[in-house]
Amino acid sequence: MIPLMHDFEGETVLIVGGGPVGARKARAFAAEASVVVLSPEFGDRTFADAEKVRAAPVPEDATEWVERTDPALVVVATDDSGLNDAFSTAAEEHGALVNRADDHGDQSFGNVVVPATVRDDPVTLAIATGGRAPALSKHLREQFEDEFGNAGLMAELVGDLREDLRDRGVPPAERRDAVRFVVRSREVWKALDSGRYKGEQVARDVIGELPGDQT
């Protein structure tokens, strides 16, 4: 499978199943998409801003629900494999993407895997193990969060640094070397713990004077 970033703004995501998995998927997608969750019960779980529809669909209802909600993505997250199959087929026939929460690594055509995700805007890290090792995905996500907690600040810093060096006429190869040096510098990462301004000061110190520097 090839990882891609997909924009769900203005789209609908249909989630079939109101258990823990359905709730987790609803919270993930509700940040951008309009989410509809079908389930006979929801318990006390949190579904963010998703629309909860209390219903107990049977396989014969799948096409009607998909056509009614017109989703860009259908997430099937029930413990009924027949119901999951029906909604997967209806979604594919409708031209929607499908995420099978019960797939356990056996991805089929048209299937979408929702990876473990770390967001620190503008940085997004996605980790997937093909459904075979969710615990490993979680571990790697936590490792990244611990070691690179300021990834968003670093991205903003080096983005501005690249523009500044370009504006000052620094050749492309030297700009690339400077940015690489900054992102690999433990001193800069540590300085970002004190904020963007401190990180920028240390970044300029570690790259030193460059050709084209007018300061």
N, C-alpha and C. Protein backbone atom coordinates (compact mmCIF):
# COMPACT_ATOMS: atom_id res chain seq x y z
N MET A 1 0.85 -1.19 0.00
CA MET A 1 0.00 0.00 0.00
C MET A 1 0.89 1.24 0.00
N ILE A 2 0.45 2.28 -0.69
CA ILE A 2 1.21 3.51 -0.81
C ILE A 2 0.60 4.56 0.12
N PRO A 3 1.38 5.12 1.04
CA PRO A 3 0.82 6.13 1.95
C PRO A 3 0.58 7.45 1.23
N LEU A 4 -0.59 8.05 1.48
CA LEU A 4 -0.96 9.34 0.91
C LEU A 4 -1.65 10.16 1.99
N MET A 5 -1.61 11.48 1.84
CA MET A 5 -2.36 12.37 2.71
C MET A 5 -3.64 12.74 1.96
N HIS A 6 -4.79 12.63 2.62
CA HIS A 6 -6.07 12.88 1.96
C HIS A 6 -6.81 14.00 2.67
N ASP A 7 -7.33 14.95 1.91
CA ASP A 7 -8.09 16.07 2.46
C ASP A 7 -9.56 15.68 2.53
N PHE A 8 -10.11 15.60 3.76
CA PHE A 8 -11.52 15.24 3.95
C PHE A 8 -12.39 16.44 4.27
N GLU A 9 -11.86 17.64 4.13
CA GLU A 9 -12.67 18.82 4.41
C GLU A 9 -13.86 18.88 3.45
N GLY A 10 -15.05 19.05 4.01
CA GLY A 10 -16.26 19.10 3.20
C GLY A 10 -16.79 17.74 2.79
N GLU A 11 -16.12 16.67 3.21
CA GLU A 11 -16.54 15.31 2.87
C GLU A 11 -17.26 14.67 4.05
N THR A 12 -17.93 13.56 3.77
CA THR A 12 -18.61 12.79 4.81
C THR A 12 -17.89 11.46 5.00
N VAL A 13 -17.72 11.07 6.24
CA VAL A 13 -17.19 9.75 6.59
C VAL A 13 -18.29 9.00 7.32
N LEU A 14 -18.64 7.85 6.79
CA LEU A 14 -19.66 7.00 7.41
C LEU A 14 -18.97 5.90 8.21
N ILE A 15 -19.29 5.82 9.48
CA ILE A 15 -18.72 4.80 10.35
C ILE A 15 -19.83 3.86 10.80
N VAL A 16 -19.64 2.61 10.55
CA VAL A 16 -20.63 1.59 10.93
C VAL A 16 -20.09 0.86 12.15
N GLY A 17 -20.69 1.12 13.29
CA GLY A 17 -20.24 0.52 14.54
C GLY A 17 -19.92 1.58 15.57
N GLY A 18 -20.54 1.47 16.74
CA GLY A 18 -20.35 2.47 17.79
C GLY A 18 -19.53 1.98 18.96
N GLY A 19 -18.71 0.96 18.75
CA GLY A 19 -17.85 0.46 19.81
C GLY A 19 -16.61 1.32 19.98
N PRO A 20 -15.62 0.82 20.74
CA PRO A 20 -14.40 1.60 20.98
C PRO A 20 -13.67 2.00 19.70
N VAL A 21 -13.62 1.08 18.72
CA VAL A 21 -12.92 1.39 17.47
C VAL A 21 -13.68 2.45 16.69
N GLY A 22 -14.99 2.30 16.59
CA GLY A 22 -15.79 3.29 15.88
C GLY A 22 -15.68 4.66 16.52
N ALA A 23 -15.67 4.71 17.85
CA ALA A 23 -15.54 5.99 18.54
C ALA A 23 -14.18 6.62 18.27
N ARG A 24 -13.14 5.81 18.29
CA ARG A 24 -11.79 6.34 18.02
C ARG A 24 -11.68 6.89 16.61
N LYS A 25 -12.25 6.15 15.64
CA LYS A 25 -12.21 6.63 14.25
C LYS A 25 -13.04 7.91 14.11
N ALA A 26 -14.17 7.98 14.81
CA ALA A 26 -15.01 9.18 14.74
C ALA A 26 -14.25 10.40 15.25
N ARG A 27 -13.56 10.25 16.37
CA ARG A 27 -12.79 11.37 16.91
C ARG A 27 -11.69 11.80 15.95
N ALA A 28 -11.09 10.84 15.28
CA ALA A 28 -10.00 11.16 14.36
C ALA A 28 -10.49 11.95 13.15
N PHE A 29 -11.60 11.52 12.58
CA PHE A 29 -12.08 12.14 11.34
C PHE A 29 -12.92 13.39 11.58
N ALA A 30 -13.51 13.52 12.77
CA ALA A 30 -14.39 14.66 13.03
C ALA A 30 -13.65 15.99 13.03
N ALA A 31 -12.33 15.95 13.14
CA ALA A 31 -11.55 17.19 13.11
C ALA A 31 -11.64 17.86 11.76
N GLU A 32 -11.99 17.11 10.72
CA GLU A 32 -12.03 17.69 9.38
C GLU A 32 -13.30 17.36 8.61
N ALA A 33 -13.78 16.13 8.72
CA ALA A 33 -14.91 15.69 7.92
C ALA A 33 -16.22 15.78 8.72
N SER A 34 -17.33 15.64 8.00
CA SER A 34 -18.63 15.43 8.63
C SER A 34 -18.76 13.93 8.85
N VAL A 35 -18.92 13.52 10.08
CA VAL A 35 -18.90 12.09 10.42
C VAL A 35 -20.29 11.64 10.86
N VAL A 36 -20.73 10.53 10.29
CA VAL A 36 -22.00 9.90 10.67
C VAL A 36 -21.68 8.51 11.20
N VAL A 37 -22.15 8.21 12.41
CA VAL A 37 -21.90 6.91 13.02
C VAL A 37 -23.21 6.15 13.16
N LEU A 38 -23.27 4.96 12.60
CA LEU A 38 -24.45 4.10 12.72
C LEU A 38 -24.19 3.04 13.77
N SER A 39 -25.08 2.93 14.74
CA SER A 39 -24.92 1.90 15.76
C SER A 39 -26.21 1.78 16.56
N PRO A 40 -26.55 0.56 17.00
CA PRO A 40 -27.74 0.42 17.83
C PRO A 40 -27.54 0.99 19.23
N GLU A 41 -26.27 1.16 19.65
CA GLU A 41 -25.99 1.76 20.94
C GLU A 41 -24.61 2.41 20.91
N PHE A 42 -24.41 3.38 21.80
CA PHE A 42 -23.16 4.14 21.82
C PHE A 42 -22.47 4.14 23.18
N GLY A 43 -23.16 3.69 24.20
CA GLY A 43 -22.57 3.67 25.53
C GLY A 43 -22.21 5.08 25.97
N ASP A 44 -21.16 5.20 26.78
CA ASP A 44 -20.73 6.52 27.24
C ASP A 44 -19.46 6.96 26.53
N ARG A 45 -19.22 6.43 25.33
CA ARG A 45 -18.01 6.76 24.58
C ARG A 45 -18.12 8.16 23.97
N THR A 46 -16.97 8.74 23.68
CA THR A 46 -16.91 10.07 23.10
C THR A 46 -16.72 9.97 21.59
N PHE A 47 -17.58 10.65 20.84
CA PHE A 47 -17.53 10.62 19.38
C PHE A 47 -17.26 12.00 18.78
N ALA A 48 -16.73 12.91 19.59
CA ALA A 48 -16.45 14.28 19.15
C ALA A 48 -17.73 14.90 18.59
N ASP A 49 -17.65 15.54 17.42
CA ASP A 49 -18.81 16.21 16.84
C ASP A 49 -19.57 15.34 15.84
N ALA A 50 -19.32 14.04 15.87
CA ALA A 50 -19.97 13.15 14.92
C ALA A 50 -21.48 13.09 15.16
N GLU A 51 -22.21 12.89 14.08
CA GLU A 51 -23.65 12.67 14.18
C GLU A 51 -23.90 11.20 14.49
N LYS A 52 -24.51 10.93 15.63
CA LYS A 52 -24.78 9.56 16.05
C LYS A 52 -26.19 9.18 15.63
N VAL A 53 -26.29 8.16 14.80
CA VAL A 53 -27.59 7.68 14.32
C VAL A 53 -27.85 6.31 14.94
N ARG A 54 -28.84 6.25 15.81
CA ARG A 54 -29.14 4.98 16.46
C ARG A 54 -29.91 4.09 15.48
N ALA A 55 -29.24 3.09 14.97
CA ALA A 55 -29.82 2.18 13.98
C ALA A 55 -29.09 0.86 14.05
N ALA A 56 -29.79 -0.20 13.67
CA ALA A 56 -29.19 -1.54 13.65
C ALA A 56 -29.30 -2.07 12.23
N PRO A 57 -28.46 -1.56 11.31
CA PRO A 57 -28.58 -1.97 9.91
C PRO A 57 -28.26 -3.45 9.72
N VAL A 58 -28.89 -4.04 8.74
CA VAL A 58 -28.59 -5.40 8.32
C VAL A 58 -27.90 -5.30 6.96
N PRO A 59 -27.27 -6.37 6.49
CA PRO A 59 -26.55 -6.30 5.22
C PRO A 59 -27.37 -5.73 4.07
N GLU A 60 -28.66 -6.03 4.03
CA GLU A 60 -29.51 -5.54 2.95
C GLU A 60 -29.69 -4.01 2.98
N ASP A 61 -29.38 -3.39 4.11
CA ASP A 61 -29.53 -1.94 4.24
C ASP A 61 -28.30 -1.16 3.78
N ALA A 62 -27.20 -1.86 3.52
CA ALA A 62 -25.92 -1.20 3.30
C ALA A 62 -25.96 -0.20 2.15
N THR A 63 -26.48 -0.63 1.00
CA THR A 63 -26.50 0.26 -0.17
C THR A 63 -27.31 1.51 0.09
N GLU A 64 -28.45 1.35 0.76
CA GLU A 64 -29.31 2.50 1.05
C GLU A 64 -28.59 3.51 1.95
N TRP A 65 -27.90 3.03 2.98
CA TRP A 65 -27.20 3.94 3.89
C TRP A 65 -26.05 4.65 3.18
N VAL A 66 -25.34 3.94 2.35
CA VAL A 66 -24.21 4.56 1.64
C VAL A 66 -24.72 5.61 0.67
N GLU A 67 -25.78 5.29 -0.07
CA GLU A 67 -26.33 6.27 -1.01
C GLU A 67 -26.91 7.48 -0.27
N ARG A 68 -27.52 7.23 0.89
CA ARG A 68 -28.14 8.32 1.65
C ARG A 68 -27.10 9.30 2.19
N THR A 69 -25.96 8.79 2.66
CA THR A 69 -24.95 9.65 3.29
C THR A 69 -23.89 10.13 2.31
N ASP A 70 -23.75 9.46 1.15
CA ASP A 70 -22.79 9.84 0.11
C ASP A 70 -21.39 10.09 0.68
N PRO A 71 -20.81 9.07 1.30
CA PRO A 71 -19.52 9.27 1.97
C PRO A 71 -18.33 9.19 1.01
N ALA A 72 -17.25 9.87 1.40
CA ALA A 72 -15.97 9.72 0.70
C ALA A 72 -15.25 8.49 1.23
N LEU A 73 -15.54 8.14 2.48
CA LEU A 73 -14.92 6.99 3.15
C LEU A 73 -15.95 6.30 4.02
N VAL A 74 -15.95 4.97 3.97
CA VAL A 74 -16.79 4.17 4.86
C VAL A 74 -15.87 3.36 5.77
N VAL A 75 -16.07 3.50 7.07
CA VAL A 75 -15.31 2.73 8.05
C VAL A 75 -16.24 1.66 8.61
N VAL A 76 -15.90 0.40 8.42
CA VAL A 76 -16.73 -0.68 8.96
C VAL A 76 -16.04 -1.23 10.20
N ALA A 77 -16.73 -1.11 11.33
CA ALA A 77 -16.10 -1.43 12.61
C ALA A 77 -17.07 -2.18 13.51
N THR A 78 -17.74 -3.19 12.96
CA THR A 78 -18.63 -4.01 13.78
C THR A 78 -18.00 -5.38 13.96
N ASP A 79 -18.61 -6.20 14.80
CA ASP A 79 -18.12 -7.56 14.99
C ASP A 79 -18.90 -8.56 14.14
N ASP A 80 -19.65 -8.04 13.17
CA ASP A 80 -20.44 -8.86 12.26
C ASP A 80 -19.76 -8.83 10.89
N SER A 81 -19.05 -9.88 10.54
CA SER A 81 -18.28 -9.89 9.29
C SER A 81 -19.19 -9.77 8.07
N GLY A 82 -20.41 -10.35 8.13
CA GLY A 82 -21.34 -10.24 7.02
C GLY A 82 -21.78 -8.81 6.79
N LEU A 83 -22.04 -8.09 7.89
CA LEU A 83 -22.43 -6.69 7.79
C LEU A 83 -21.27 -5.85 7.27
N ASN A 84 -20.06 -6.14 7.76
CA ASN A 84 -18.88 -5.43 7.28
C ASN A 84 -18.66 -5.66 5.79
N ASP A 85 -18.85 -6.90 5.35
CA ASP A 85 -18.69 -7.22 3.93
C ASP A 85 -19.70 -6.43 3.09
N ALA A 86 -20.93 -6.37 3.57
CA ALA A 86 -21.98 -5.69 2.80
C ALA A 86 -21.69 -4.20 2.66
N PHE A 87 -21.28 -3.57 3.74
CA PHE A 87 -20.97 -2.14 3.67
C PHE A 87 -19.71 -1.87 2.85
N SER A 88 -18.75 -2.78 2.91
CA SER A 88 -17.54 -2.63 2.09
C SER A 88 -17.89 -2.69 0.61
N THR A 89 -18.71 -3.65 0.25
CA THR A 89 -19.12 -3.80 -1.15
C THR A 89 -19.93 -2.59 -1.61
N ALA A 90 -20.87 -2.15 -0.77
CA ALA A 90 -21.69 -0.99 -1.13
C ALA A 90 -20.83 0.25 -1.31
N ALA A 91 -19.83 0.42 -0.45
CA ALA A 91 -18.94 1.58 -0.55
C ALA A 91 -18.14 1.55 -1.84
N GLU A 92 -17.58 0.39 -2.17
CA GLU A 92 -16.79 0.27 -3.40
C GLU A 92 -17.66 0.53 -4.63
N GLU A 93 -18.87 0.02 -4.62
CA GLU A 93 -19.77 0.24 -5.76
C GLU A 93 -20.15 1.71 -5.87
N HIS A 94 -20.14 2.42 -4.73
CA HIS A 94 -20.49 3.84 -4.72
C HIS A 94 -19.29 4.71 -5.08
N GLY A 95 -18.10 4.11 -5.12
CA GLY A 95 -16.89 4.86 -5.41
C GLY A 95 -16.23 5.47 -4.19
N ALA A 96 -16.60 4.97 -3.01
CA ALA A 96 -16.02 5.48 -1.77
C ALA A 96 -14.85 4.61 -1.34
N LEU A 97 -13.96 5.21 -0.55
CA LEU A 97 -12.87 4.46 0.06
C LEU A 97 -13.42 3.62 1.20
N VAL A 98 -12.68 2.57 1.56
CA VAL A 98 -13.13 1.66 2.62
C VAL A 98 -12.01 1.39 3.61
N ASN A 99 -12.35 1.50 4.89
CA ASN A 99 -11.44 1.10 5.95
C ASN A 99 -12.09 -0.04 6.72
N ARG A 100 -11.47 -1.21 6.66
CA ARG A 100 -11.98 -2.37 7.38
C ARG A 100 -11.26 -2.49 8.71
N ALA A 101 -11.95 -2.18 9.79
CA ALA A 101 -11.34 -2.26 11.11
C ALA A 101 -11.11 -3.70 11.54
N ASP A 102 -11.75 -4.66 10.83
CA ASP A 102 -11.59 -6.08 11.17
C ASP A 102 -10.66 -6.79 10.21
N ASP A 103 -9.88 -6.03 9.42
CA ASP A 103 -9.09 -6.63 8.34
C ASP A 103 -7.86 -7.37 8.84
N HIS A 104 -7.27 -6.89 9.92
CA HIS A 104 -6.12 -7.54 10.56
C HIS A 104 -4.99 -7.83 9.57
N GLY A 105 -4.66 -6.85 8.76
CA GLY A 105 -3.50 -6.97 7.89
C GLY A 105 -3.76 -7.56 6.54
N ASP A 106 -4.95 -8.10 6.29
CA ASP A 106 -5.24 -8.71 4.99
C ASP A 106 -5.94 -7.69 4.10
N GLN A 107 -5.18 -6.65 3.68
CA GLN A 107 -5.79 -5.57 2.91
C GLN A 107 -6.28 -6.06 1.56
N SER A 108 -7.47 -5.63 1.20
CA SER A 108 -8.03 -5.97 -0.10
C SER A 108 -8.06 -4.72 -0.95
N PHE A 109 -8.41 -4.88 -2.22
CA PHE A 109 -8.42 -3.76 -3.15
C PHE A 109 -9.35 -2.65 -2.66
N GLY A 110 -8.85 -1.42 -2.73
CA GLY A 110 -9.65 -0.29 -2.33
C GLY A 110 -9.65 0.00 -0.85
N ASN A 111 -8.96 -0.81 -0.08
CA ASN A 111 -8.97 -0.63 1.36
C ASN A 111 -8.04 0.49 1.78
N VAL A 112 -8.38 1.16 2.88
CA VAL A 112 -7.58 2.23 3.45
C VAL A 112 -7.19 1.85 4.87
N VAL A 113 -5.93 2.03 5.20
CA VAL A 113 -5.46 1.82 6.56
C VAL A 113 -5.33 3.17 7.24
N VAL A 114 -5.89 3.29 8.43
CA VAL A 114 -5.76 4.52 9.21
C VAL A 114 -4.60 4.33 10.17
N PRO A 115 -3.48 5.00 9.95
CA PRO A 115 -2.28 4.74 10.75
C PRO A 115 -2.32 5.43 12.11
N ALA A 116 -1.41 5.01 12.98
CA ALA A 116 -1.17 5.75 14.21
C ALA A 116 -0.56 7.08 13.80
N THR A 117 -1.08 8.18 14.35
CA THR A 117 -0.70 9.50 13.86
C THR A 117 -0.24 10.41 14.98
N VAL A 118 0.83 11.15 14.69
CA VAL A 118 1.31 12.20 15.57
C VAL A 118 1.19 13.51 14.80
N ARG A 119 0.55 14.51 15.39
CA ARG A 119 0.42 15.82 14.74
C ARG A 119 1.05 16.90 15.62
N ASP A 120 1.91 17.65 15.00
CA ASP A 120 2.47 18.85 15.61
C ASP A 120 2.63 19.83 14.46
N ASP A 121 1.51 20.47 14.10
CA ASP A 121 1.46 21.28 12.88
C ASP A 121 2.69 22.17 12.72
N PRO A 122 3.26 22.18 11.50
CA PRO A 122 2.76 21.57 10.26
C PRO A 122 3.26 20.15 10.01
N VAL A 123 3.78 19.49 11.04
CA VAL A 123 4.32 18.14 10.87
C VAL A 123 3.26 17.09 11.22
N THR A 124 3.15 16.09 10.36
CA THR A 124 2.30 14.94 10.63
C THR A 124 3.12 13.68 10.39
N LEU A 125 3.16 12.80 11.37
CA LEU A 125 3.86 11.52 11.24
C LEU A 125 2.82 10.41 11.31
N ALA A 126 2.83 9.53 10.32
CA ALA A 126 1.90 8.41 10.29
C ALA A 126 2.69 7.10 10.32
N ILE A 127 2.26 6.17 11.17
CA ILE A 127 2.95 4.90 11.33
C ILE A 127 1.95 3.77 11.12
N ALA A 128 2.28 2.84 10.24
CA ALA A 128 1.40 1.70 9.97
C ALA A 128 2.22 0.42 9.94
N THR A 129 1.62 -0.66 10.42
CA THR A 129 2.27 -1.97 10.39
C THR A 129 1.42 -2.97 9.63
N GLY A 130 0.61 -2.47 8.71
CA GLY A 130 -0.23 -3.36 7.92
C GLY A 130 -1.29 -4.08 8.74
N GLY A 131 -1.61 -3.53 9.91
CA GLY A 131 -2.61 -4.16 10.76
C GLY A 131 -2.08 -5.33 11.57
N ARG A 132 -0.80 -5.65 11.42
CA ARG A 132 -0.25 -6.83 12.08
C ARG A 132 0.27 -6.55 13.49
N ALA A 133 0.65 -5.30 13.76
CA ALA A 133 1.26 -5.01 15.06
C ALA A 133 0.86 -3.63 15.57
N PRO A 134 -0.41 -3.45 15.95
CA PRO A 134 -0.85 -2.15 16.47
C PRO A 134 -0.02 -1.68 17.67
N ALA A 135 0.41 -2.63 18.51
CA ALA A 135 1.21 -2.25 19.68
C ALA A 135 2.52 -1.61 19.26
N LEU A 136 3.10 -2.09 18.17
CA LEU A 136 4.34 -1.50 17.67
C LEU A 136 4.09 -0.10 17.13
N SER A 137 2.98 0.09 16.42
CA SER A 137 2.64 1.43 15.93
C SER A 137 2.53 2.41 17.08
N LYS A 138 1.85 1.98 18.14
CA LYS A 138 1.69 2.85 19.31
C LYS A 138 3.04 3.16 19.95
N HIS A 139 3.90 2.14 20.06
CA HIS A 139 5.22 2.33 20.67
C HIS A 139 6.05 3.32 19.86
N LEU A 140 6.06 3.17 18.54
CA LEU A 140 6.84 4.07 17.69
C LEU A 140 6.29 5.49 17.76
N ARG A 141 4.97 5.62 17.83
CA ARG A 141 4.37 6.95 17.97
C ARG A 141 4.83 7.61 19.26
N GLU A 142 4.81 6.86 20.35
CA GLU A 142 5.23 7.42 21.64
C GLU A 142 6.71 7.77 21.64
N GLN A 143 7.52 6.97 20.95
CA GLN A 143 8.95 7.26 20.85
C GLN A 143 9.18 8.58 20.13
N PHE A 144 8.43 8.78 19.05
CA PHE A 144 8.57 10.02 18.29
C PHE A 144 8.14 11.21 19.13
N GLU A 145 7.03 11.06 19.84
CA GLU A 145 6.54 12.16 20.67
C GLU A 145 7.55 12.54 21.74
N ASP A 146 8.22 11.53 22.31
CA ASP A 146 9.20 11.79 23.36
C ASP A 146 10.45 12.47 22.81
N GLU A 147 10.93 12.02 21.67
CA GLU A 147 12.22 12.50 21.15
C GLU A 147 12.10 13.76 20.31
N PHE A 148 10.98 13.93 19.61
CA PHE A 148 10.84 15.07 18.71
C PHE A 148 9.58 15.87 19.03
N GLY A 149 9.47 16.24 20.28
CA GLY A 149 8.28 16.95 20.72
C GLY A 149 8.11 18.34 20.12
N ASN A 150 9.18 18.90 19.56
CA ASN A 150 9.11 20.23 18.97
C ASN A 150 9.23 20.18 17.45
N ALA A 151 8.75 19.10 16.85
CA ALA A 151 8.88 18.96 15.40
C ALA A 151 8.18 20.08 14.65
N GLY A 152 7.03 20.52 15.15
CA GLY A 152 6.32 21.60 14.48
C GLY A 152 7.12 22.90 14.50
N LEU A 153 7.70 23.22 15.66
CA LEU A 153 8.53 24.42 15.75
C LEU A 153 9.75 24.32 14.85
N MET A 154 10.35 23.12 14.79
CA MET A 154 11.52 22.92 13.93
C MET A 154 11.15 23.14 12.47
N ALA A 155 10.00 22.62 12.05
CA ALA A 155 9.57 22.79 10.67
C ALA A 155 9.38 24.27 10.32
N GLU A 156 8.77 25.02 11.23
CA GLU A 156 8.57 26.45 11.00
C GLU A 156 9.90 27.18 10.95
N LEU A 157 10.80 26.81 11.87
CA LEU A 157 12.10 27.47 11.92
C LEU A 157 12.89 27.26 10.63
N VAL A 158 13.03 26.01 10.19
CA VAL A 158 13.85 25.76 9.00
C VAL A 158 13.16 26.27 7.73
N GLY A 159 11.83 26.30 7.74
CA GLY A 159 11.13 26.87 6.59
C GLY A 159 11.45 28.35 6.43
N ASP A 160 11.41 29.09 7.56
CA ASP A 160 11.76 30.50 7.52
C ASP A 160 13.24 30.70 7.22
N LEU A 161 14.07 29.81 7.76
CA LEU A 161 15.51 29.90 7.52
C LEU A 161 15.84 29.73 6.03
N ARG A 162 15.19 28.76 5.40
CA ARG A 162 15.41 28.55 3.96
C ARG A 162 15.06 29.80 3.16
N GLU A 163 13.92 30.40 3.49
CA GLU A 163 13.51 31.61 2.77
C GLU A 163 14.49 32.75 3.00
N ASP A 164 14.96 32.89 4.24
CA ASP A 164 15.90 33.96 4.55
C ASP A 164 17.21 33.78 3.79
N LEU A 165 17.73 32.55 3.78
CA LEU A 165 18.97 32.28 3.06
C LEU A 165 18.81 32.50 1.56
N ARG A 166 17.66 32.12 1.02
CA ARG A 166 17.41 32.34 -0.40
C ARG A 166 17.35 33.83 -0.72
N ASP A 167 16.68 34.59 0.15
CA ASP A 167 16.58 36.03 -0.07
C ASP A 167 17.94 36.71 -0.01
N ARG A 168 18.87 36.13 0.76
CA ARG A 168 20.20 36.72 0.88
C ARG A 168 21.17 36.20 -0.18
N GLY A 169 20.65 35.42 -1.11
CA GLY A 169 21.47 34.98 -2.23
C GLY A 169 22.37 33.80 -1.95
N VAL A 170 22.13 33.06 -0.89
CA VAL A 170 22.94 31.88 -0.60
C VAL A 170 22.63 30.79 -1.62
N PRO A 171 23.65 30.20 -2.25
CA PRO A 171 23.43 29.17 -3.28
C PRO A 171 22.61 27.99 -2.74
N PRO A 172 21.83 27.33 -3.63
CA PRO A 172 20.96 26.22 -3.20
C PRO A 172 21.68 25.12 -2.43
N ALA A 173 22.86 24.71 -2.90
CA ALA A 173 23.57 23.62 -2.22
C ALA A 173 23.93 24.00 -0.80
N GLU A 174 24.33 25.26 -0.59
CA GLU A 174 24.69 25.70 0.75
C GLU A 174 23.46 25.87 1.63
N ARG A 175 22.34 26.27 1.02
CA ARG A 175 21.09 26.33 1.79
C ARG A 175 20.71 24.95 2.30
N ARG A 176 20.80 23.97 1.40
CA ARG A 176 20.45 22.60 1.80
C ARG A 176 21.35 22.11 2.93
N ASP A 177 22.66 22.39 2.82
CA ASP A 177 23.58 21.96 3.86
C ASP A 177 23.26 22.62 5.20
N ALA A 178 22.92 23.91 5.16
CA ALA A 178 22.60 24.63 6.39
C ALA A 178 21.36 24.05 7.07
N VAL A 179 20.32 23.80 6.27
CA VAL A 179 19.09 23.25 6.83
C VAL A 179 19.32 21.86 7.40
N ARG A 180 20.07 21.02 6.68
CA ARG A 180 20.38 19.68 7.20
C ARG A 180 21.12 19.77 8.53
N PHE A 181 22.06 20.70 8.61
CA PHE A 181 22.84 20.84 9.83
C PHE A 181 21.94 21.23 10.99
N VAL A 182 21.00 22.13 10.73
CA VAL A 182 20.10 22.59 11.80
C VAL A 182 19.20 21.45 12.28
N VAL A 183 18.58 20.72 11.34
CA VAL A 183 17.63 19.68 11.77
C VAL A 183 18.33 18.51 12.46
N ARG A 184 19.64 18.36 12.24
CA ARG A 184 20.39 17.28 12.88
C ARG A 184 21.07 17.73 14.17
N SER A 185 20.92 18.99 14.53
CA SER A 185 21.61 19.54 15.69
C SER A 185 20.82 19.31 16.97
N ARG A 186 21.40 18.58 17.91
CA ARG A 186 20.75 18.36 19.19
C ARG A 186 20.63 19.68 19.96
N GLU A 187 21.61 20.59 19.72
CA GLU A 187 21.56 21.88 20.41
C GLU A 187 20.31 22.67 20.02
N VAL A 188 19.98 22.63 18.74
CA VAL A 188 18.79 23.36 18.28
C VAL A 188 17.53 22.72 18.84
N TRP A 189 17.44 21.38 18.77
CA TRP A 189 16.26 20.70 19.30
C TRP A 189 16.07 21.04 20.79
N LYS A 190 17.18 21.04 21.53
CA LYS A 190 17.09 21.34 22.96
C LYS A 190 16.67 22.79 23.18
N ALA A 191 17.20 23.70 22.36
CA ALA A 191 16.85 25.12 22.50
C ALA A 191 15.37 25.37 22.24
N LEU A 192 14.77 24.58 21.38
CA LEU A 192 13.35 24.76 21.07
C LEU A 192 12.46 24.48 22.28
N ASP A 193 12.99 23.78 23.28
CA ASP A 193 12.22 23.59 24.51
C ASP A 193 11.92 24.93 25.18
N SER A 194 12.76 25.92 24.89
CA SER A 194 12.57 27.25 25.45
C SER A 194 11.83 28.19 24.51
N GLY A 195 11.38 27.64 23.39
CA GLY A 195 10.58 28.44 22.47
C GLY A 195 11.26 28.69 21.13
N ARG A 196 10.46 29.20 20.20
CA ARG A 196 10.94 29.43 18.84
C ARG A 196 12.11 30.42 18.78
N TYR A 197 12.03 31.52 19.54
CA TYR A 197 13.07 32.55 19.48
C TYR A 197 14.42 31.98 19.88
N LYS A 198 14.46 31.22 20.97
CA LYS A 198 15.72 30.63 21.43
C LYS A 198 16.24 29.62 20.40
N GLY A 199 15.34 28.83 19.83
CA GLY A 199 15.76 27.87 18.82
C GLY A 199 16.36 28.54 17.61
N GLU A 200 15.77 29.66 17.19
CA GLU A 200 16.30 30.38 16.03
C GLU A 200 17.68 30.95 16.33
N GLN A 201 17.88 31.47 17.54
CA GLN A 201 19.19 32.00 17.91
C GLN A 201 20.26 30.92 17.81
N VAL A 202 19.97 29.76 18.38
CA VAL A 202 20.95 28.67 18.38
C VAL A 202 21.17 28.16 16.97
N ALA A 203 20.11 28.09 16.17
CA ALA A 203 20.25 27.62 14.79
C ALA A 203 21.21 28.51 14.01
N ARG A 204 21.10 29.82 14.19
CA ARG A 204 21.99 30.73 13.46
C ARG A 204 23.41 30.63 13.98
N ASP A 205 23.55 30.32 15.26
CA ASP A 205 24.88 30.14 15.82
C ASP A 205 25.55 28.89 15.24
N VAL A 206 24.79 27.79 15.14
CA VAL A 206 25.42 26.54 14.72
C VAL A 206 25.77 26.51 13.23
N ILE A 207 25.04 27.26 12.40
CA ILE A 207 25.39 27.25 10.97
C ILE A 207 26.49 28.27 10.66
N GLY A 208 26.72 29.22 11.58
CA GLY A 208 27.80 30.18 11.38
C GLY A 208 27.54 31.12 10.23
N GLU A 209 28.57 31.82 9.82
CA GLU A 209 28.49 32.75 8.69
C GLU A 209 28.51 31.97 7.39
N LEU A 210 27.57 32.25 6.51
CA LEU A 210 27.50 31.57 5.21
C LEU A 210 27.80 32.57 4.10
N PRO A 211 28.28 32.07 2.95
CA PRO A 211 28.45 32.95 1.80
C PRO A 211 27.14 33.62 1.46
N GLY A 212 27.17 34.91 1.18
CA GLY A 212 25.95 35.64 0.87
C GLY A 212 25.33 36.25 2.10
N ASP A 213 25.86 35.97 3.29
CA ASP A 213 25.32 36.54 4.53
C ASP A 213 25.66 38.02 4.57
N GLN A 214 24.64 38.85 4.70
CA GLN A 214 24.84 40.29 4.69
C GLN A 214 24.84 40.87 6.10
N THR A 215 24.77 40.00 7.14
CA THR A 215 24.72 40.52 8.50
C THR A 215 26.13 40.62 9.08
